[in-house]
C-alpha atoms as a PDB file:
ATOM      1  CA  MET A   1     118.377  99.358  66.214  1.00  0.00           C
ATOM      2  CA  ALA A   2     117.044  96.267  67.488  1.00  0.00           C
ATOM      3  CA  VAL A   3     115.690  96.118  70.861  1.00  0.00           C
ATOM      4  CA  HIS A   4     115.856  92.216  72.418  1.00  0.00           C
ATOM      5  CA  ASN A   5     113.831  91.770  75.516  1.00  0.00           C
ATOM      6  CA  HIS A   6     115.221  88.785  77.677  1.00  0.00           C
ATOM      7  CA  THR A   7     113.251  87.318  80.320  1.00  0.00           C
ATOM      8  CA  VAL A   8     115.732  87.949  83.056  1.00  0.00           C
ATOM      9  CA  SER A   9     115.403  85.385  86.487  1.00  0.00           C
ATOM     10  CA  PRO A  10     114.838  86.904  89.658  1.00  0.00           C
ATOM     11  CA  ASP A  11     117.481  86.698  92.165  1.00  0.00           C
ATOM     12  CA  PRO A  12     117.218  84.574  94.570  1.00  0.00           C
ATOM     13  CA  LEU A  13     115.525  85.497  98.043  1.00  0.00           C
ATOM     14  CA  PRO A  14     116.814  84.281 101.733  1.00  0.00           C
ATOM     15  CA  PRO A  15     114.203  82.852 103.555  1.00  0.00           C
ATOM     16  CA  LEU A  16     112.108  84.461 105.996  1.00  0.00           C
ATOM     17  CA  ALA A  17     113.128  84.164 109.194  1.00  0.00           C
ATOM     18  CA  ALA A  18     109.847  82.978 110.247  1.00  0.00           C
ATOM     19  CA  GLY A  19     109.280  80.378 107.845  1.00  0.00           C
ATOM     20  CA  HIS A  20     105.336  81.148 107.770  1.00  0.00           C
ATOM     21  CA  LEU A  21     102.746  83.896 107.731  1.00  0.00           C
ATOM     22  CA  ARG A  22     100.683  83.050 110.447  1.00  0.00           C
ATOM     23  CA  SER A  23     100.004  86.794 111.411  1.00  0.00           C
ATOM     24  CA  ASP A  24     101.504  89.895 109.806  1.00  0.00           C
ATOM     25  CA  LEU A  25     104.280  89.630 113.460  1.00  0.00           C
ATOM     26  CA  ASP A  26     105.863  86.716 111.362  1.00  0.00           C
ATOM     27  CA  LEU A  27     107.575  89.603 108.827  1.00  0.00           C
ATOM     28  CA  SER A  28     110.132  91.691 110.686  1.00  0.00           C
ATOM     29  CA  SER A  29     109.788  95.388 109.392  1.00  0.00           C
ATOM     30  CA  ALA A  30     112.863  94.692 106.701  1.00  0.00           C
ATOM     31  CA  GLU A  31     110.813  91.317 105.300  1.00  0.00           C
ATOM     32  CA  LEU A  32     107.517  93.586 104.818  1.00  0.00           C
ATOM     33  CA  ARG A  33     109.152  96.120 102.852  1.00  0.00           C
ATOM     34  CA  ALA A  34     110.996  93.420 101.001  1.00  0.00           C
ATOM     35  CA  LEU A  35     107.903  91.652  99.901  1.00  0.00           C
ATOM     36  CA  LEU A  36     106.012  95.216  98.941  1.00  0.00           C
ATOM     37  CA  ASP A  37     109.090  95.528  96.664  1.00  0.00           C
ATOM     38  CA  LEU A  38     109.056  92.006  95.567  1.00  0.00           C
ATOM     39  CA  ALA A  39     105.073  92.614  94.982  1.00  0.00           C
ATOM     40  CA  VAL A  40     105.647  95.338  92.642  1.00  0.00           C
ATOM     41  CA  ASP A  41     108.071  93.392  90.681  1.00  0.00           C
ATOM     42  CA  VAL A  42     106.380  90.563  90.256  1.00  0.00           C
ATOM     43  CA  LYS A  43     103.207  92.566  88.966  1.00  0.00           C
ATOM     44  CA  ALA A  44     105.634  94.336  86.437  1.00  0.00           C
ATOM     45  CA  ARG A  45     107.227  91.400  85.609  1.00  0.00           C
ATOM     46  CA  PRO A  46     105.290  87.665  86.059  1.00  0.00           C
ATOM     47  CA  ALA A  47     107.014  85.708  83.476  1.00  0.00           C
ATOM     48  CA  ALA A  48     110.665  85.833  85.390  1.00  0.00           C
ATOM     49  CA  TYR A  49     108.604  84.393  88.747  1.00  0.00           C
ATOM     50  CA  ALA A  50     106.377  81.627  86.005  1.00  0.00           C
ATOM     51  CA  THR A  51     108.654  78.822  87.528  1.00  0.00           C
ATOM     52  CA  VAL A  52     109.670  79.477  91.239  1.00  0.00           C
ATOM     53  CA  LEU A  53     106.893  76.658  92.297  1.00  0.00           C
ATOM     54  CA  ARG A  54     107.548  74.323  89.623  1.00  0.00           C
ATOM     55  CA  GLY A  55     106.125  71.018  90.371  1.00  0.00           C
ATOM     56  CA  ALA A  56     104.951  72.279  93.750  1.00  0.00           C
ATOM     57  CA  ILE A  57     100.921  71.590  95.011  1.00  0.00           C
ATOM     58  CA  VAL A  58      99.636  74.522  97.500  1.00  0.00           C
ATOM     59  CA  SER A  59      97.123  73.596 100.115  1.00  0.00           C
ATOM     60  CA  LEU A  60      94.025  75.514 100.158  1.00  0.00           C
ATOM     61  CA  LEU A  61      92.005  74.778 103.480  1.00  0.00           C
ATOM     62  CA  PHE A  62      88.943  77.076 104.000  1.00  0.00           C
ATOM     63  CA  GLU A  63      86.769  76.955 106.633  1.00  0.00           C
ATOM     64  CA  LYS A  64      84.819  80.213 105.155  1.00  0.00           C
ATOM     65  CA  PRO A  65      83.368  81.089 102.063  1.00  0.00           C
ATOM     66  CA  SER A  66      85.476  82.913  99.744  1.00  0.00           C
ATOM     67  CA  LEU A  67      86.169  84.683  96.068  1.00  0.00           C
ATOM     68  CA  ARG A  68      88.944  86.933  96.464  1.00  0.00           C
ATOM     69  CA  THR A  69      90.747  84.657  98.369  1.00  0.00           C
ATOM     70  CA  ARG A  70      90.596  81.326  97.123  1.00  0.00           C
ATOM     71  CA  ILE A  71      90.547  82.860  93.306  1.00  0.00           C
ATOM     72  CA  THR A  72      93.774  84.772  93.983  1.00  0.00           C
ATOM     73  CA  PHE A  73      95.806  81.915  95.625  1.00  0.00           C
ATOM     74  CA  GLU A  74      94.442  79.242  93.056  1.00  0.00           C
ATOM     75  CA  VAL A  75      95.523  81.883  90.059  1.00  0.00           C
ATOM     76  CA  ALA A  76      98.812  82.292  91.965  1.00  0.00           C
ATOM     77  CA  ALA A  77      99.994  79.077  92.528  1.00  0.00           C
ATOM     78  CA  LYS A  78      99.104  78.584  89.006  1.00  0.00           C
ATOM     79  CA  GLN A  79     101.027  81.881  87.651  1.00  0.00           C
ATOM     80  CA  LEU A  80     104.298  80.532  89.434  1.00  0.00           C
ATOM     81  CA  GLY A  81     104.226  77.001  87.910  1.00  0.00           C
ATOM     82  CA  GLY A  82     102.719  74.862  90.921  1.00  0.00           C
ATOM     83  CA  ASP A  83      98.993  73.984  91.153  1.00  0.00           C
ATOM     84  CA  SER A  84      96.506  73.541  93.786  1.00  0.00           C
ATOM     85  CA  ILE A  85      94.286  71.721  95.525  1.00  0.00           C
ATOM     86  CA  VAL A  86      91.349  73.020  97.658  1.00  0.00           C
ATOM     87  CA  GLN A  87      89.324  71.638 100.832  1.00  0.00           C
ATOM     88  CA  THR A  88      86.461  73.179 102.604  1.00  0.00           C
ATOM     89  CA  GLY A  89      84.814  72.799 105.162  1.00  0.00           C
ATOM     90  CA  PRO A  90      85.968  72.521 109.614  1.00  0.00           C
ATOM     91  CA  ILE A  91      89.576  71.773 109.351  1.00  0.00           C
ATOM     92  CA  GLY A  92      89.302  69.936 112.342  1.00  0.00           C
ATOM     93  CA  GLY A  93      85.786  68.343 111.951  1.00  0.00           C
ATOM     94  CA  ARG A  94      86.924  64.791 111.110  1.00  0.00           C
ATOM     95  CA  GLU A  95      90.052  64.324 112.908  1.00  0.00           C
ATOM     96  CA  PRO A  96      92.918  66.821 114.867  1.00  0.00           C
ATOM     97  CA  VAL A  97      94.333  69.654 113.112  1.00  0.00           C
ATOM     98  CA  LYS A  98      97.309  68.080 113.486  1.00  0.00           C
ATOM     99  CA  ASP A  99      96.686  64.824 111.720  1.00  0.00           C
ATOM    100  CA  VAL A 100      95.359  67.359 108.944  1.00  0.00           C
ATOM    101  CA  ALA A 101      98.427  68.870 108.815  1.00  0.00           C
ATOM    102  CA  ARG A 102     101.159  65.831 108.635  1.00  0.00           C
ATOM    103  CA  ASN A 103      98.985  64.119 106.281  1.00  0.00           C
ATOM    104  CA  LEU A 104      99.090  67.599 104.038  1.00  0.00           C
ATOM    105  CA  ALA A 105     103.139  67.432 104.475  1.00  0.00           C
ATOM    106  CA  ARG A 106     103.237  64.131 102.715  1.00  0.00           C
ATOM    107  CA  TRP A 107     101.744  65.177  99.604  1.00  0.00           C
ATOM    108  CA  THR A 108     101.779  68.931  99.519  1.00  0.00           C
ATOM    109  CA  ARG A 109     104.595  71.913  99.931  1.00  0.00           C
ATOM    110  CA  MET A 110     102.804  74.842 100.762  1.00  0.00           C
ATOM    111  CA  ILE A 111      99.481  75.864 102.689  1.00  0.00           C
ATOM    112  CA  ALA A 112      97.336  78.642 102.868  1.00  0.00           C
ATOM    113  CA  ALA A 113      94.345  77.998 105.366  1.00  0.00           C
ATOM    114  CA  ARG A 114      90.800  80.795 105.295  1.00  0.00           C
ATOM    115  CA  THR A 115      89.675  79.974 109.419  1.00  0.00           C
ATOM    116  CA  PHE A 116      88.200  81.223 112.212  1.00  0.00           C
ATOM    117  CA  ALA A 117      90.517  80.271 115.024  1.00  0.00           C
ATOM    118  CA  GLN A 118      94.004  81.543 114.787  1.00  0.00           C
ATOM    119  CA  GLN A 119      94.933  78.907 116.894  1.00  0.00           C
ATOM    120  CA  THR A 120      94.482  76.481 113.734  1.00  0.00           C
ATOM    121  CA  VAL A 121      96.456  78.653 111.752  1.00  0.00           C
ATOM    122  CA  GLU A 122      99.538  77.911 114.408  1.00  0.00           C
ATOM    123  CA  ASP A 123      98.858  74.239 114.974  1.00  0.00           C
ATOM    124  CA  LEU A 124      99.302  74.333 110.780  1.00  0.00           C
ATOM    125  CA  ALA A 125     102.453  75.138 110.823  1.00  0.00           C
ATOM    126  CA  ARG A 126     103.530  73.635 114.041  1.00  0.00           C
ATOM    127  CA  TRP A 127     102.307  70.259 112.585  1.00  0.00           C
ATOM    128  CA  SER A 128     102.962  70.003 109.296  1.00  0.00           C
ATOM    129  CA  GLY A 129     106.726  71.656 108.920  1.00  0.00           C
ATOM    130  CA  LEU A 130     105.469  73.506 105.816  1.00  0.00           C
ATOM    131  CA  PRO A 131     105.069  76.764 104.859  1.00  0.00           C
ATOM    132  CA  THR A 132     102.050  78.111 105.975  1.00  0.00           C
ATOM    133  CA  ILE A 133      99.989  81.303 105.570  1.00  0.00           C
ATOM    134  CA  ASN A 134      96.768  82.570 107.488  1.00  0.00           C
ATOM    135  CA  ALA A 135      94.876  83.554 104.535  1.00  0.00           C
ATOM    136  CA  LEU A 136      92.493  85.009 107.100  1.00  0.00           C
ATOM    137  CA  SER A 137      91.765  84.195 110.927  1.00  0.00           C
ATOM    138  CA  ASP A 138      89.524  85.943 113.312  1.00  0.00           C
ATOM    139  CA  LEU A 139      92.261  87.888 114.438  1.00  0.00           C
ATOM    140  CA  TYR A 140      94.305  88.945 111.569  1.00  0.00           C
ATOM    141  CA  HIS A 141      94.265  89.247 107.667  1.00  0.00           C
ATOM    142  CA  PRO A 142      97.607  89.784 106.821  1.00  0.00           C
ATOM    143  CA  CYS A 143      97.009  88.789 102.650  1.00  0.00           C
ATOM    144  CA  GLN A 144      94.902  91.300 102.542  1.00  0.00           C
ATOM    145  CA  ALA A 145      96.638  94.352 104.501  1.00  0.00           C
ATOM    146  CA  LEU A 146      99.746  93.748 102.014  1.00  0.00           C
ATOM    147  CA  ALA A 147      97.615  93.793  99.073  1.00  0.00           C
ATOM    148  CA  ASP A 148      95.952  97.194 100.744  1.00  0.00           C
ATOM    149  CA  MET A 149      99.661  98.833 101.266  1.00  0.00           C
ATOM    150  CA  LEU A 150     100.567  97.666  97.929  1.00  0.00           C
ATOM    151  CA  THR A 151      97.494  99.840  96.704  1.00  0.00           C
ATOM    152  CA  LEU A 152      98.667 102.507  98.531  1.00  0.00           C
ATOM    153  CA  ARG A 153     101.881 102.635  97.527  1.00  0.00           C
ATOM    154  CA  GLU A 154     100.685 102.653  93.885  1.00  0.00           C
ATOM    155  CA  HIS A 155      98.245 105.273  94.320  1.00  0.00           C
ATOM    156  CA  TRP A 156     100.925 107.735  96.772  1.00  0.00           C
ATOM    157  CA  GLY A 157     104.084 106.451  96.146  1.00  0.00           C
ATOM    158  CA  ALA A 158     104.941 106.589  99.302  1.00  0.00           C
ATOM    159  CA  TRP A 159     103.633 105.491 102.700  1.00  0.00           C
ATOM    160  CA  GLU A 160     105.536 107.650 104.727  1.00  0.00           C
ATOM    161  CA  GLY A 161     103.462 110.592 106.798  1.00  0.00           C
ATOM    162  CA  ARG A 162     100.454 109.357 104.697  1.00  0.00           C
ATOM    163  CA  THR A 163      97.504 108.916 107.156  1.00  0.00           C
ATOM    164  CA  LEU A 164      94.759 105.912 106.562  1.00  0.00           C
ATOM    165  CA  ALA A 165      91.785 105.885 108.966  1.00  0.00           C
ATOM    166  CA  TYR A 166      89.256 102.935 109.312  1.00  0.00           C
ATOM    167  CA  VAL A 167      86.121 103.291 110.229  1.00  0.00           C
ATOM    168  CA  GLY A 168      84.056 100.422 111.680  1.00  0.00           C
ATOM    169  CA  ASP A 169      84.335  97.119 113.479  1.00  0.00           C
ATOM    170  CA  GLY A 170      88.088  96.983 115.039  1.00  0.00           C
ATOM    171  CA  ASN A 171      88.482  93.467 113.577  1.00  0.00           C
ATOM    172  CA  ASN A 172      90.932  91.036 111.797  1.00  0.00           C
ATOM    173  CA  VAL A 173      91.642  93.386 108.912  1.00  0.00           C
ATOM    174  CA  ALA A 174      91.798  96.525 111.397  1.00  0.00           C
ATOM    175  CA  HIS A 175      94.440  95.035 113.370  1.00  0.00           C
ATOM    176  CA  SER A 176      96.419  93.883 110.042  1.00  0.00           C
ATOM    177  CA  LEU A 177      96.253  97.057 108.520  1.00  0.00           C
ATOM    178  CA  MET A 178      97.470  98.609 111.973  1.00  0.00           C
ATOM    179  CA  LEU A 179     100.339  96.690 112.348  1.00  0.00           C
ATOM    180  CA  ASP A 180     101.639  97.192 108.813  1.00  0.00           C
ATOM    181  CA  ALA A 181     101.150 100.681 108.793  1.00  0.00           C
ATOM    182  CA  ALA A 182     102.920 101.455 112.050  1.00  0.00           C
ATOM    183  CA  ARG A 183     105.965  99.360 110.381  1.00  0.00           C
ATOM    184  CA  LEU A 184     105.699 101.512 107.052  1.00  0.00           C
ATOM    185  CA  GLY A 185     105.356 105.143 108.464  1.00  0.00           C
ATOM    186  CA  LEU A 186     101.834 105.421 108.186  1.00  0.00           C
ATOM    187  CA  HIS A 187      99.941 107.249 110.615  1.00  0.00           C
ATOM    188  CA  PHE A 188      96.734 104.941 111.285  1.00  0.00           C
ATOM    189  CA  THR A 189      93.167 105.936 113.218  1.00  0.00           C
ATOM    190  CA  CYS A 190      90.887 103.166 114.153  1.00  0.00           C
ATOM    191  CA  ILE A 191      87.040 104.806 114.214  1.00  0.00           C
ATOM    192  CA  THR A 192      84.942 102.539 116.332  1.00  0.00           C
ATOM    193  CA  PRO A 193      81.504 102.421 118.114  1.00  0.00           C
ATOM    194  CA  PRO A 194      82.178 102.374 122.059  1.00  0.00           C
ATOM    195  CA  GLY A 195      83.104  98.603 122.790  1.00  0.00           C
ATOM    196  CA  TYR A 196      84.050  97.539 119.106  1.00  0.00           C
ATOM    197  CA  GLU A 197      87.722  98.986 119.832  1.00  0.00           C
ATOM    198  CA  PRO A 198      90.609  96.681 118.385  1.00  0.00           C
ATOM    199  CA  SER A 199      92.799  94.337 120.669  1.00  0.00           C
ATOM    200  CA  GLU A 200      94.586  96.017 123.125  1.00  0.00           C
ATOM    201  CA  THR A 201      97.418  93.734 122.661  1.00  0.00           C
ATOM    202  CA  ILE A 202      97.879  94.301 118.994  1.00  0.00           C
ATOM    203  CA  VAL A 203      97.451  98.220 119.358  1.00  0.00           C
ATOM    204  CA  ALA A 204     100.228  97.979 122.081  1.00  0.00           C
ATOM    205  CA  ALA A 205     102.422  96.345 119.462  1.00  0.00           C
ATOM    206  CA  ALA A 206     101.575  98.675 116.585  1.00  0.00           C
ATOM    207  CA  ARG A 207     102.090 101.546 118.970  1.00  0.00           C
ATOM    208  CA  GLU A 208     106.050 100.066 119.784  1.00  0.00           C
ATOM    209  CA  PHE A 209     106.802  99.633 115.830  1.00  0.00           C
ATOM    210  CA  ALA A 210     105.589 103.220 115.622  1.00  0.00           C
ATOM    211  CA  GLN A 211     108.284 104.501 118.037  1.00  0.00           C
ATOM    212  CA  ALA A 212     111.100 103.258 115.129  1.00  0.00           C
ATOM    213  CA  THR A 213     109.149 105.234 112.603  1.00  0.00           C
ATOM    214  CA  GLY A 214     107.410 107.920 113.565  1.00  0.00           C
ATOM    215  CA  ALA A 215     103.834 106.742 112.413  1.00  0.00           C
ATOM    216  CA  ARG A 216     100.884 107.913 114.951  1.00  0.00           C
ATOM    217  CA  ILE A 217      98.621 105.006 116.205  1.00  0.00           C
ATOM    218  CA  LEU A 218      95.148 106.447 117.125  1.00  0.00           C
ATOM    219  CA  VAL A 219      91.762 104.549 118.320  1.00  0.00           C
ATOM    220  CA  THR A 220      89.078 106.618 118.767  1.00  0.00           C
ATOM    221  CA  THR A 221      84.803 106.491 118.909  1.00  0.00           C
ATOM    222  CA  GLU A 222      85.083 110.194 117.564  1.00  0.00           C
ATOM    223  CA  ILE A 223      83.915 110.378 113.533  1.00  0.00           C
ATOM    224  CA  GLU A 224      84.751 113.952 112.930  1.00  0.00           C
ATOM    225  CA  ALA A 225      87.894 114.332 114.756  1.00  0.00           C
ATOM    226  CA  GLY A 226      89.240 110.556 113.576  1.00  0.00           C
ATOM    227  CA  LEU A 227      88.976 111.504 110.222  1.00  0.00           C
ATOM    228  CA  ALA A 228      90.547 115.184 110.461  1.00  0.00           C
ATOM    229  CA  GLY A 229      93.290 115.101 107.323  1.00  0.00           C
ATOM    230  CA  ALA A 230      93.068 111.449 106.340  1.00  0.00           C
ATOM    231  CA  GLU A 231      94.002 110.926 103.295  1.00  0.00           C
ATOM    232  CA  ALA A 232      92.513 107.137 102.446  1.00  0.00           C
ATOM    233  CA  VAL A 233      89.459 105.986 104.323  1.00  0.00           C
ATOM    234  CA  TYR A 234      88.579 102.066 105.230  1.00  0.00           C
ATOM    235  CA  THR A 235      86.108  99.778 106.190  1.00  0.00           C
ATOM    236  CA  ASP A 236      84.554  96.334 106.616  1.00  0.00           C
ATOM    237  CA  VAL A 237      81.482  94.653 107.007  1.00  0.00           C
ATOM    238  CA  TRP A 238      79.451  95.351 110.450  1.00  0.00           C
ATOM    239  CA  ALA A 239      79.503  91.772 111.177  1.00  0.00           C
ATOM    240  CA  SER A 240      81.966  89.329 110.271  1.00  0.00           C
ATOM    241  CA  MET A 241      81.113  86.032 108.987  1.00  0.00           C
ATOM    242  CA  GLY A 242      80.475  83.783 112.378  1.00  0.00           C
ATOM    243  CA  GLN A 243      78.723  87.115 113.950  1.00  0.00           C
ATOM    244  CA  GLU A 244      75.699  87.378 112.044  1.00  0.00           C
ATOM    245  CA  HIS A 245      73.573  86.451 115.278  1.00  0.00           C
ATOM    246  CA  GLU A 246      74.967  90.126 116.068  1.00  0.00           C
ATOM    247  CA  ALA A 247      74.325  91.712 112.722  1.00  0.00           C
ATOM    248  CA  ILE A 248      70.944  93.373 114.064  1.00  0.00           C
ATOM    249  CA  GLU A 249      72.373  95.031 117.394  1.00  0.00           C
ATOM    250  CA  ARG A 250      75.479  96.243 115.424  1.00  0.00           C
ATOM    251  CA  ALA A 251      73.388  97.379 112.423  1.00  0.00           C
ATOM    252  CA  ARG A 252      71.759  99.686 115.285  1.00  0.00           C
ATOM    253  CA  LEU A 253      75.093 101.060 116.720  1.00  0.00           C
ATOM    254  CA  PHE A 254      77.511 101.205 113.926  1.00  0.00           C
ATOM    255  CA  ALA A 255      74.797 103.387 111.322  1.00  0.00           C
ATOM    256  CA  PRO A 256      76.589 106.918 112.273  1.00  0.00           C
ATOM    257  CA  TYR A 257      79.938 105.257 111.199  1.00  0.00           C
ATOM    258  CA  GLN A 258      78.202 104.152 107.460  1.00  0.00           C
ATOM    259  CA  VAL A 259      80.982 105.652 105.273  1.00  0.00           C
ATOM    260  CA  ASN A 260      78.961 108.051 102.726  1.00  0.00           C
ATOM    261  CA  GLU A 261      79.585 111.216 101.056  1.00  0.00           C
ATOM    262  CA  GLU A 262      78.995 112.873 104.335  1.00  0.00           C
ATOM    263  CA  LEU A 263      81.542 111.317 105.785  1.00  0.00           C
ATOM    264  CA  MET A 264      84.072 111.083 103.323  1.00  0.00           C
ATOM    265  CA  ALA A 265      83.716 114.958 103.080  1.00  0.00           C
ATOM    266  CA  MET A 266      85.717 115.118 106.644  1.00  0.00           C
ATOM    267  CA  ALA A 267      88.326 113.460 105.369  1.00  0.00           C
ATOM    268  CA  ALA A 268      91.490 115.306 103.322  1.00  0.00           C
ATOM    269  CA  PRO A 269      89.807 116.478  99.665  1.00  0.00           C
ATOM    270  CA  GLY A 270      90.360 113.440  97.387  1.00  0.00           C
ATOM    271  CA  ALA A 271      90.782 111.133 100.252  1.00  0.00           C
ATOM    272  CA  LEU A 272      90.824 107.407  98.443  1.00  0.00           C
ATOM    273  CA  PHE A 273      87.953 104.660  99.433  1.00  0.00           C
ATOM    274  CA  MET A 274      89.099 101.715 100.578  1.00  0.00           C
ATOM    275  CA  HIS A 275      87.183  98.576 101.283  1.00  0.00           C
ATOM    276  CA  CYS A 276      88.436  94.780 101.734  1.00  0.00           C
ATOM    277  CA  LEU A 277      84.881  93.205 100.134  1.00  0.00           C
ATOM    278  CA  PRO A 278      82.652  91.636  99.926  1.00  0.00           C
ATOM    279  CA  ALA A 279      80.719  94.847 100.537  1.00  0.00           C
ATOM    280  CA  HIS A 280      77.157  95.249 102.039  1.00  0.00           C
ATOM    281  CA  ARG A 281      76.440  98.382  99.886  1.00  0.00           C
ATOM    282  CA  GLU A 282      73.957 100.867 101.989  1.00  0.00           C
ATOM    283  CA  GLU A 283      74.892  99.241 105.035  1.00  0.00           C
ATOM    284  CA  GLU A 284      78.657 100.190 106.033  1.00  0.00           C
ATOM    285  CA  THR A 285      79.373 102.268 103.340  1.00  0.00           C
ATOM    286  CA  THR A 286      77.037 103.102 100.061  1.00  0.00           C
ATOM    287  CA  ASP A 287      76.760 102.771  96.345  1.00  0.00           C
ATOM    288  CA  ALA A 288      77.599 106.160  95.743  1.00  0.00           C
ATOM    289  CA  VAL A 289      81.234 105.779  97.438  1.00  0.00           C
ATOM    290  CA  MET A 290      81.892 102.800  96.080  1.00  0.00           C
ATOM    291  CA  GLU A 291      81.434 104.127  92.443  1.00  0.00           C
ATOM    292  CA  SER A 292      83.119 106.870  92.879  1.00  0.00           C
ATOM    293  CA  PRO A 293      86.245 108.007  91.622  1.00  0.00           C
ATOM    294  CA  VAL A 294      88.303 107.592  94.661  1.00  0.00           C
ATOM    295  CA  SER A 295      87.545 103.902  95.473  1.00  0.00           C
ATOM    296  CA  VAL A 296      89.737 101.643  94.886  1.00  0.00           C
ATOM    297  CA  VAL A 297      87.971  98.581  95.835  1.00  0.00           C
ATOM    298  CA  PHE A 298      88.910  96.644  92.920  1.00  0.00           C
ATOM    299  CA  ASP A 299      92.571  97.850  92.745  1.00  0.00           C
ATOM    300  CA  GLN A 300      92.874  96.095  96.265  1.00  0.00           C
ATOM    301  CA  ALA A 301      91.461  93.197  95.150  1.00  0.00           C
ATOM    302  CA  GLU A 302      93.765  93.046  92.103  1.00  0.00           C
ATOM    303  CA  ASN A 303      96.477  93.734  94.340  1.00  0.00           C
ATOM    304  CA  ARG A 304      95.605  90.322  96.470  1.00  0.00           C
ATOM    305  CA  LEU A 305      96.805  88.304  93.739  1.00  0.00           C
ATOM    306  CA  HIS A 306     100.113  89.782  92.974  1.00  0.00           C
ATOM    307  CA  ALA A 307     100.957  90.636  96.817  1.00  0.00           C
ATOM    308  CA  GLN A 308     100.154  86.674  97.618  1.00  0.00           C
ATOM    309  CA  LYS A 309     102.188  85.667  95.158  1.00  0.00           C
ATOM    310  CA  ALA A 310     105.422  87.736  96.210  1.00  0.00           C
ATOM    311  CA  LEU A 311     105.113  86.115  99.172  1.00  0.00           C
ATOM    312  CA  MET A 312     104.782  82.722  97.746  1.00  0.00           C
ATOM    313  CA  VAL A 313     107.754  83.607  96.024  1.00  0.00           C
ATOM    314  CA  MET A 314     109.279  84.218  99.117  1.00  0.00           C
ATOM    315  CA  LEU A 315     108.072  81.230 100.937  1.00  0.00           C
ATOM    316  CA  SER A 316     109.162  79.309  98.219  1.00  0.00           C
ATOM    317  CA  ALA A 317     112.819  79.320  99.655  1.00  0.00           C
ATOM    318  CA  GLN A 318     111.601  77.002 102.490  1.00  0.00           C
ATOM    319  CA  ILE A 319     109.880  74.366 100.008  1.00  0.00           C
ATOM    320  CA  HIS A 320     112.021  71.050 100.075  1.00  0.00           C
END
């Protein structure tokens, strides 16, 4: 019997209530789950979404160097039937951000910005009126967290009741992971050197979300206790872009928190290793861990594309 494969167009999606992804908090818990469900479908059936952005140009603004973010957003725009244009350098350097935003609104239909200040993302969204995506700021990294949650779903099947431990600086990646984990019922432990804990405001928000899902949110400086039962161990560079002047002091303080084979042995047997990349091998982690069978770092990198495509599909309802 002949089998006919037909491309089925995706059902129309309701617009995101916020109209943007300025931070993880722009997604309700229901929207977060819907987006991750969509990412699974986008990854499995890319042809069904190949015309979602037909005729649309996406502005990609980069104050910081980028490999994964830039390439995946450029590829995403093209695979969704649109295109992108890239601008590098300070977003408000030559003229106010509000003027940049209003210019972009006359030419393009969506913005993704990789910035230092969170306020830059907020201003782009406010003054452009376009769907605006935080492609990284010093406070949040929501697109990375979406890709990470998609990766964990692929490896585990579900998030509820599992445990993710983050080891290192309580930075933007830790913030976004914590907020998403809390809303998905994923237990989250943030293990940092003293003085490098995540934002208390963001921890409080995550714990409030966790009350509804049963997730546990723990912040500690104790490595062994924090890793007990962890089924995935995540780390990031010790000094992010803009913190290079702190690198020597951070290297000294963070050395005991290096994710090496000894540290991984403190987690649950078979625990996954995660890193948002780029990795400074033999600093925050070792080559042996990066190349080990439990490392899923390149799954995470691939899933940046699929998660961002799903986000752009959901935001496409706002394009007019």
